[in-house]
Amino acid sequence: IVTGEKFAMMMPKDSDKLEQANQILSDM
């Protein structure tokens, strides 16, 4: 069943590590 769902890492709301982790994913 094609749903278009997007898998990602979940983090605490507005985590202070969110932007850094997201930038590392972009770099990877």
PDB file of all heavy atoms in Angstrom:
ATOM      1  N   ILE A   1       0.852  -1.188   0.000  1.00  0.00           N
ATOM      2  CA  ILE A   1       0.000   0.000   0.000  1.00  0.00           C
ATOM      3  C   ILE A   1       0.890   1.240   0.000  1.00  0.00           C
ATOM      4  O   ILE A   1       1.613   1.495   0.963  1.00  0.00           O
ATOM      5  CB  ILE A   1      -0.909   0.028   1.245  1.00  0.00           C
ATOM      6  CG1 ILE A   1      -1.672  -1.289   1.396  1.00  0.00           C
ATOM      7  CG2 ILE A   1      -1.860   1.213   1.187  1.00  0.00           C
ATOM      8  CD1 ILE A   1      -2.308  -1.466   2.768  1.00  0.00           C
ATOM      9  N   VAL A   2       0.860   2.007  -1.067  1.00  0.00           N
ATOM     10  CA  VAL A   2       1.646   3.232  -1.151  1.00  0.00           C
ATOM     11  C   VAL A   2       0.937   4.321  -0.353  1.00  0.00           C
ATOM     12  O   VAL A   2      -0.215   4.666  -0.642  1.00  0.00           O
ATOM     13  CB  VAL A   2       1.835   3.674  -2.614  1.00  0.00           C
ATOM     14  CG1 VAL A   2       2.604   4.980  -2.679  1.00  0.00           C
ATOM     15  CG2 VAL A   2       2.557   2.586  -3.402  1.00  0.00           C
ATOM     16  N   THR A   3       1.608   4.842   0.658  1.00  0.00           N
ATOM     17  CA  THR A   3       0.992   5.837   1.548  1.00  0.00           C
ATOM     18  C   THR A   3       1.702   7.188   1.513  1.00  0.00           C
ATOM     19  O   THR A   3       1.130   8.196   1.923  1.00  0.00           O
ATOM     20  CB  THR A   3       1.009   5.340   2.996  1.00  0.00           C
ATOM     21  OG1 THR A   3       2.372   5.125   3.400  1.00  0.00           O
ATOM     22  CG2 THR A   3       0.221   4.045   3.143  1.00  0.00           C
ATOM     23  N   GLY A   4       2.955   7.209   1.056  1.00  0.00           N
ATOM     24  CA  GLY A   4       3.712   8.453   1.048  1.00  0.00           C
ATOM     25  C   GLY A   4       4.240   8.851   2.410  1.00  0.00           C
ATOM     26  O   GLY A   4       4.716   9.977   2.598  1.00  0.00           O
ATOM     27  N   GLU A   5       4.164   7.948   3.400  1.00  0.00           N
ATOM     28  CA  GLU A   5       4.631   8.288   4.741  1.00  0.00           C
ATOM     29  C   GLU A   5       6.140   8.545   4.745  1.00  0.00           C
ATOM     30  O   GLU A   5       6.887   7.969   3.950  1.00  0.00           O
ATOM     31  CB  GLU A   5       4.276   7.185   5.737  1.00  0.00           C
ATOM     32  CG  GLU A   5       4.813   5.808   5.356  1.00  0.00           C
ATOM     33  CD  GLU A   5       4.328   4.721   6.292  1.00  0.00           C
ATOM     34  OE1 GLU A   5       4.502   4.874   7.514  1.00  0.00           O
ATOM     35  OE2 GLU A   5       3.812   3.710   5.795  1.00  0.00           O
ATOM     36  N   LYS A   6       6.557   9.412   5.645  1.00  0.00           N
ATOM     37  CA  LYS A   6       7.954   9.829   5.720  1.00  0.00           C
ATOM     38  C   LYS A   6       8.561   9.357   7.032  1.00  0.00           C
ATOM     39  O   LYS A   6       8.093   9.728   8.101  1.00  0.00           O
ATOM     40  CB  LYS A   6       8.054  11.352   5.622  1.00  0.00           C
ATOM     41  CG  LYS A   6       7.395  11.949   4.389  1.00  0.00           C
ATOM     42  CD  LYS A   6       7.325  13.462   4.485  1.00  0.00           C
ATOM     43  CE  LYS A   6       6.583  14.066   3.301  1.00  0.00           C
ATOM     44  NZ  LYS A   6       6.435  15.537   3.436  1.00  0.00           N
ATOM     45  N   PHE A   7       9.629   8.537   6.938  1.00  0.00           N
ATOM     46  CA  PHE A   7      10.306   8.049   8.137  1.00  0.00           C
ATOM     47  C   PHE A   7      11.384   9.045   8.552  1.00  0.00           C
ATOM     48  O   PHE A   7      12.167   9.525   7.728  1.00  0.00           O
ATOM     49  CB  PHE A   7      10.966   6.704   7.876  1.00  0.00           C
ATOM     50  CG  PHE A   7       9.993   5.565   7.706  1.00  0.00           C
ATOM     51  CD1 PHE A   7      10.445   4.301   7.367  1.00  0.00           C
ATOM     52  CD2 PHE A   7       8.633   5.739   7.884  1.00  0.00           C
ATOM     53  CE1 PHE A   7       9.571   3.238   7.213  1.00  0.00           C
ATOM     54  CE2 PHE A   7       7.735   4.688   7.723  1.00  0.00           C
ATOM     55  CZ  PHE A   7       8.220   3.431   7.395  1.00  0.00           C
ATOM     56  N   ALA A   8      11.439   9.331   9.858  1.00  0.00           N
ATOM     57  CA  ALA A   8      12.426  10.272  10.387  1.00  0.00           C
ATOM     58  C   ALA A   8      12.725   9.929  11.835  1.00  0.00           C
ATOM     59  O   ALA A   8      12.098   9.033  12.421  1.00  0.00           O
ATOM     60  CB  ALA A   8      11.898  11.705  10.282  1.00  0.00           C
ATOM     61  N   MET A   9      13.678  10.638  12.421  1.00  0.00           N
ATOM     62  CA  MET A   9      13.974  10.478  13.844  1.00  0.00           C
ATOM     63  C   MET A   9      13.109  11.426  14.650  1.00  0.00           C
ATOM     64  O   MET A   9      12.963  12.593  14.295  1.00  0.00           O
ATOM     65  CB  MET A   9      15.449  10.766  14.120  1.00  0.00           C
ATOM     66  CG  MET A   9      16.370   9.723  13.544  1.00  0.00           C
ATOM     67  SD  MET A   9      18.082  10.033  13.964  1.00  0.00           S
ATOM     68  CE  MET A   9      18.848   8.720  13.011  1.00  0.00           C
ATOM     69  N   MET A  10      12.555  10.912  15.737  1.00  0.00           N
ATOM     70  CA  MET A  10      11.725  11.727  16.624  1.00  0.00           C
ATOM     71  C   MET A  10      12.580  12.245  17.772  1.00  0.00           C
ATOM     72  O   MET A  10      13.451  11.525  18.288  1.00  0.00           O
ATOM     73  CB  MET A  10      10.566  10.894  17.152  1.00  0.00           C
ATOM     74  CG  MET A  10       9.555  11.650  17.973  1.00  0.00           C
ATOM     75  SD  MET A  10       8.067  10.643  18.291  1.00  0.00           S
ATOM     76  CE  MET A  10       8.739   9.399  19.406  1.00  0.00           C
ATOM     77  N   MET A  11      12.323  13.479  18.180  1.00  0.00           N
ATOM     78  CA  MET A  11      13.068  14.103  19.267  1.00  0.00           C
ATOM     79  C   MET A  11      12.104  14.863  20.167  1.00  0.00           C
ATOM     80  O   MET A  11      10.978  15.188  19.762  1.00  0.00           O
ATOM     81  CB  MET A  11      14.144  15.039  18.706  1.00  0.00           C
ATOM     82  CG  MET A  11      15.127  14.348  17.764  1.00  0.00           C
ATOM     83  SD  MET A  11      16.383  15.447  17.043  1.00  0.00           S
ATOM     84  CE  MET A  11      17.410  15.750  18.490  1.00  0.00           C
ATOM     85  N   PRO A  12      12.514  15.168  21.410  1.00  0.00           N
ATOM     86  CA  PRO A  12      11.646  15.979  22.269  1.00  0.00           C
ATOM     87  C   PRO A  12      11.281  17.292  21.591  1.00  0.00           C
ATOM     88  O   PRO A  12      12.071  17.845  20.819  1.00  0.00           O
ATOM     89  CB  PRO A  12      12.520  16.212  23.507  1.00  0.00           C
ATOM     90  CG  PRO A  12      13.440  15.031  23.543  1.00  0.00           C
ATOM     91  CD  PRO A  12      13.747  14.725  22.105  1.00  0.00           C
ATOM     92  N   LYS A  13      10.100  17.787  21.867  1.00  0.00           N
ATOM     93  CA  LYS A  13       9.609  19.002  21.225  1.00  0.00           C
ATOM     94  C   LYS A  13      10.611  20.139  21.380  1.00  0.00           C
ATOM     95  O   LYS A  13      11.045  20.468  22.483  1.00  0.00           O
ATOM     96  CB  LYS A  13       8.264  19.391  21.851  1.00  0.00           C
ATOM     97  CG  LYS A  13       7.556  20.541  21.149  1.00  0.00           C
ATOM     98  CD  LYS A  13       7.050  20.128  19.788  1.00  0.00           C
ATOM     99  CE  LYS A  13       6.206  21.231  19.151  1.00  0.00           C
ATOM    100  NZ  LYS A  13       5.743  20.862  17.794  1.00  0.00           N
ATOM    101  N   ASP A  14      10.993  20.735  20.223  1.00  0.00           N
ATOM    102  CA  ASP A  14      11.918  21.875  20.186  1.00  0.00           C
ATOM    103  C   ASP A  14      13.245  21.567  20.875  1.00  0.00           C
ATOM    104  O   ASP A  14      13.839  22.422  21.560  1.00  0.00           O
ATOM    105  CB  ASP A  14      11.277  23.116  20.813  1.00  0.00           C
ATOM    106  CG  ASP A  14       9.995  23.520  20.102  1.00  0.00           C
ATOM    107  OD1 ASP A  14       9.943  23.397  18.859  1.00  0.00           O
ATOM    108  OD2 ASP A  14       9.045  23.958  20.785  1.00  0.00           O
ATOM    109  N   SER A  15      13.741  20.351  20.717  1.00  0.00           N
ATOM    110  CA  SER A  15      15.018  19.936  21.301  1.00  0.00           C
ATOM    111  C   SER A  15      16.151  20.866  20.879  1.00  0.00           C
ATOM    112  O   SER A  15      16.208  21.320  19.729  1.00  0.00           O
ATOM    113  CB  SER A  15      15.347  18.515  20.856  1.00  0.00           C
ATOM    114  OG  SER A  15      16.695  18.189  21.122  1.00  0.00           O
ATOM    115  N   ASP A  16      17.089  21.122  21.799  1.00  0.00           N
ATOM    116  CA  ASP A  16      18.233  21.969  21.456  1.00  0.00           C
ATOM    117  C   ASP A  16      19.234  21.247  20.565  1.00  0.00           C
ATOM    118  O   ASP A  16      20.196  21.841  20.095  1.00  0.00           O
ATOM    119  CB  ASP A  16      18.921  22.486  22.727  1.00  0.00           C
ATOM    120  CG  ASP A  16      19.431  21.373  23.646  1.00  0.00           C
ATOM    121  OD1 ASP A  16      19.287  20.184  23.288  1.00  0.00           O
ATOM    122  OD2 ASP A  16      19.973  21.694  24.723  1.00  0.00           O
ATOM    123  N   LYS A  17      18.996  19.955  20.323  1.00  0.00           N
ATOM    124  CA  LYS A  17      19.860  19.171  19.434  1.00  0.00           C
ATOM    125  C   LYS A  17      19.245  18.992  18.050  1.00  0.00           C
ATOM    126  O   LYS A  17      19.870  18.416  17.154  1.00  0.00           O
ATOM    127  CB  LYS A  17      20.149  17.799  20.043  1.00  0.00           C
ATOM    128  CG  LYS A  17      20.934  17.832  21.356  1.00  0.00           C
ATOM    129  CD  LYS A  17      21.144  16.425  21.892  1.00  0.00           C
ATOM    130  CE  LYS A  17      22.024  16.416  23.123  1.00  0.00           C
ATOM    131  NZ  LYS A  17      21.424  17.139  24.251  1.00  0.00           N
ATOM    132  N   LEU A  18      18.021  19.475  17.859  1.00  0.00           N
ATOM    133  CA  LEU A  18      17.285  19.207  16.625  1.00  0.00           C
ATOM    134  C   LEU A  18      17.969  19.791  15.394  1.00  0.00           C
ATOM    135  O   LEU A  18      18.180  19.084  14.397  1.00  0.00           O
ATOM    136  CB  LEU A  18      15.864  19.755  16.741  1.00  0.00           C
ATOM    137  CG  LEU A  18      14.966  19.620  15.504  1.00  0.00           C
ATOM    138  CD1 LEU A  18      14.793  18.162  15.111  1.00  0.00           C
ATOM    139  CD2 LEU A  18      13.599  20.275  15.756  1.00  0.00           C
ATOM    140  N   GLU A  19      18.316  21.065  15.419  1.00  0.00           N
ATOM    141  CA  GLU A  19      18.904  21.702  14.249  1.00  0.00           C
ATOM    142  C   GLU A  19      20.256  21.092  13.896  1.00  0.00           C
ATOM    143  O   GLU A  19      20.573  20.895  12.719  1.00  0.00           O
ATOM    144  CB  GLU A  19      19.048  23.207  14.479  1.00  0.00           C
ATOM    145  CG  GLU A  19      17.726  23.970  14.520  1.00  0.00           C
ATOM    146  CD  GLU A  19      17.017  23.992  13.176  1.00  0.00           C
ATOM    147  OE1 GLU A  19      17.657  23.689  12.142  1.00  0.00           O
ATOM    148  OE2 GLU A  19      15.807  24.311  13.154  1.00  0.00           O
ATOM    149  N   GLN A  20      21.061  20.771  14.913  1.00  0.00           N
ATOM    150  CA  GLN A  20      22.366  20.164  14.652  1.00  0.00           C
ATOM    151  C   GLN A  20      22.202  18.782  14.033  1.00  0.00           C
ATOM    152  O   GLN A  20      22.878  18.448  13.056  1.00  0.00           O
ATOM    153  CB  GLN A  20      23.176  20.062  15.942  1.00  0.00           C
ATOM    154  CG  GLN A  20      24.590  19.510  15.725  1.00  0.00           C
ATOM    155  CD  GLN A  20      25.369  19.345  17.021  1.00  0.00           C
ATOM    156  OE1 GLN A  20      24.812  19.458  18.112  1.00  0.00           O
ATOM    157  NE2 GLN A  20      26.655  19.077  16.907  1.00  0.00           N
ATOM    158  N   ALA A  21      21.295  17.977  14.603  1.00  0.00           N
ATOM    159  CA  ALA A  21      21.068  16.642  14.046  1.00  0.00           C
ATOM    160  C   ALA A  21      20.549  16.728  12.618  1.00  0.00           C
ATOM    161  O   ALA A  21      20.956  15.946  11.746  1.00  0.00           O
ATOM    162  CB  ALA A  21      20.073  15.885  14.919  1.00  0.00           C
ATOM    163  N   ASN A  22      19.662  17.685  12.360  1.00  0.00           N
ATOM    164  CA  ASN A  22      19.104  17.825  11.013  1.00  0.00           C
ATOM    165  C   ASN A  22      20.173  18.243  10.011  1.00  0.00           C
ATOM    166  O   ASN A  22      20.195  17.766   8.871  1.00  0.00           O
ATOM    167  CB  ASN A  22      17.965  18.839  11.021  1.00  0.00           C
ATOM    168  CG  ASN A  22      17.063  18.689   9.822  1.00  0.00           C
ATOM    169  OD1 ASN A  22      16.289  17.745   9.735  1.00  0.00           O
ATOM    170  ND2 ASN A  22      17.162  19.616   8.869  1.00  0.00           N
ATOM    171  N   GLN A  23      21.079  19.140  10.429  1.00  0.00           N
ATOM    172  CA  GLN A  23      22.163  19.558   9.529  1.00  0.00           C
ATOM    173  C   GLN A  23      23.102  18.403   9.227  1.00  0.00           C
ATOM    174  O   GLN A  23      23.567  18.244   8.095  1.00  0.00           O
ATOM    175  CB  GLN A  23      22.948  20.721  10.150  1.00  0.00           C
ATOM    176  CG  GLN A  23      24.065  21.259   9.253  1.00  0.00           C
ATOM    177  CD  GLN A  23      23.556  21.726   7.903  1.00  0.00           C
ATOM    178  OE1 GLN A  23      22.629  22.539   7.836  1.00  0.00           O
ATOM    179  NE2 GLN A  23      24.131  21.212   6.823  1.00  0.00           N
ATOM    180  N   ILE A  24      23.365  17.577  10.231  1.00  0.00           N
ATOM    181  CA  ILE A  24      24.221  16.407  10.008  1.00  0.00           C
ATOM    182  C   ILE A  24      23.565  15.453   9.011  1.00  0.00           C
ATOM    183  O   ILE A  24      24.236  14.893   8.132  1.00  0.00           O
ATOM    184  CB  ILE A  24      24.516  15.695  11.344  1.00  0.00           C
ATOM    185  CG1 ILE A  24      25.435  16.567  12.204  1.00  0.00           C
ATOM    186  CG2 ILE A  24      25.168  14.331  11.100  1.00  0.00           C
ATOM    187  CD1 ILE A  24      25.639  16.040  13.616  1.00  0.00           C
ATOM    188  N   LEU A  25      22.252  15.265   9.120  1.00  0.00           N
ATOM    189  CA  LEU A  25      21.545  14.421   8.149  1.00  0.00           C
ATOM    190  C   LEU A  25      21.680  14.993   6.737  1.00  0.00           C
ATOM    191  O   LEU A  25      21.900  14.239   5.771  1.00  0.00           O
ATOM    192  CB  LEU A  25      20.069  14.301   8.522  1.00  0.00           C
ATOM    193  CG  LEU A  25      19.741  13.374   9.692  1.00  0.00           C
ATOM    194  CD1 LEU A  25      18.280  13.515  10.091  1.00  0.00           C
ATOM    195  CD2 LEU A  25      20.045  11.919   9.344  1.00  0.00           C
ATOM    196  N   SER A  26      21.566  16.307   6.607  1.00  0.00           N
ATOM    197  CA  SER A  26      21.751  16.946   5.290  1.00  0.00           C
ATOM    198  C   SER A  26      23.156  16.693   4.767  1.00  0.00           C
ATOM    199  O   SER A  26      23.350  16.377   3.584  1.00  0.00           O
ATOM    200  CB  SER A  26      21.494  18.454   5.388  1.00  0.00           C
ATOM    201  OG  SER A  26      20.129  18.730   5.580  1.00  0.00           O
ATOM    202  N   ASP A  27      24.149  16.822   5.646  1.00  0.00           N
ATOM    203  CA  ASP A  27      25.538  16.581   5.247  1.00  0.00           C
ATOM    204  C   ASP A  27      25.733  15.131   4.820  1.00  0.00           C
ATOM    205  O   ASP A  27      26.438  14.854   3.836  1.00  0.00           O
ATOM    206  CB  ASP A  27      26.486  16.912   6.405  1.00  0.00           C
ATOM    207  CG  ASP A  27      26.488  18.391   6.770  1.00  0.00           C
ATOM    208  OD1 ASP A  27      26.050  19.212   5.935  1.00  0.00           O
ATOM    209  OD2 ASP A  27      26.924  18.725   7.892  1.00  0.00           O
ATOM    210  N   MET A  28      25.122  14.191   5.545  1.00  0.00           N
ATOM    211  CA  MET A  28      25.233  12.772   5.206  1.00  0.00           C
ATOM    212  C   MET A  28      24.597  12.469   3.856  1.00  0.00           C
ATOM    213  O   MET A  28      25.082  11.614   3.102  1.00  0.00           O
ATOM    214  CB  MET A  28      24.586  11.923   6.297  1.00  0.00           C
ATOM    215  CG  MET A  28      25.344  11.916   7.619  1.00  0.00           C
ATOM    216  SD  MET A  28      24.416  11.102   8.961  1.00  0.00           S
ATOM    217  CE  MET A  28      24.321   9.418   8.340  1.00  0.00           C
TER     218      MET A  28
END
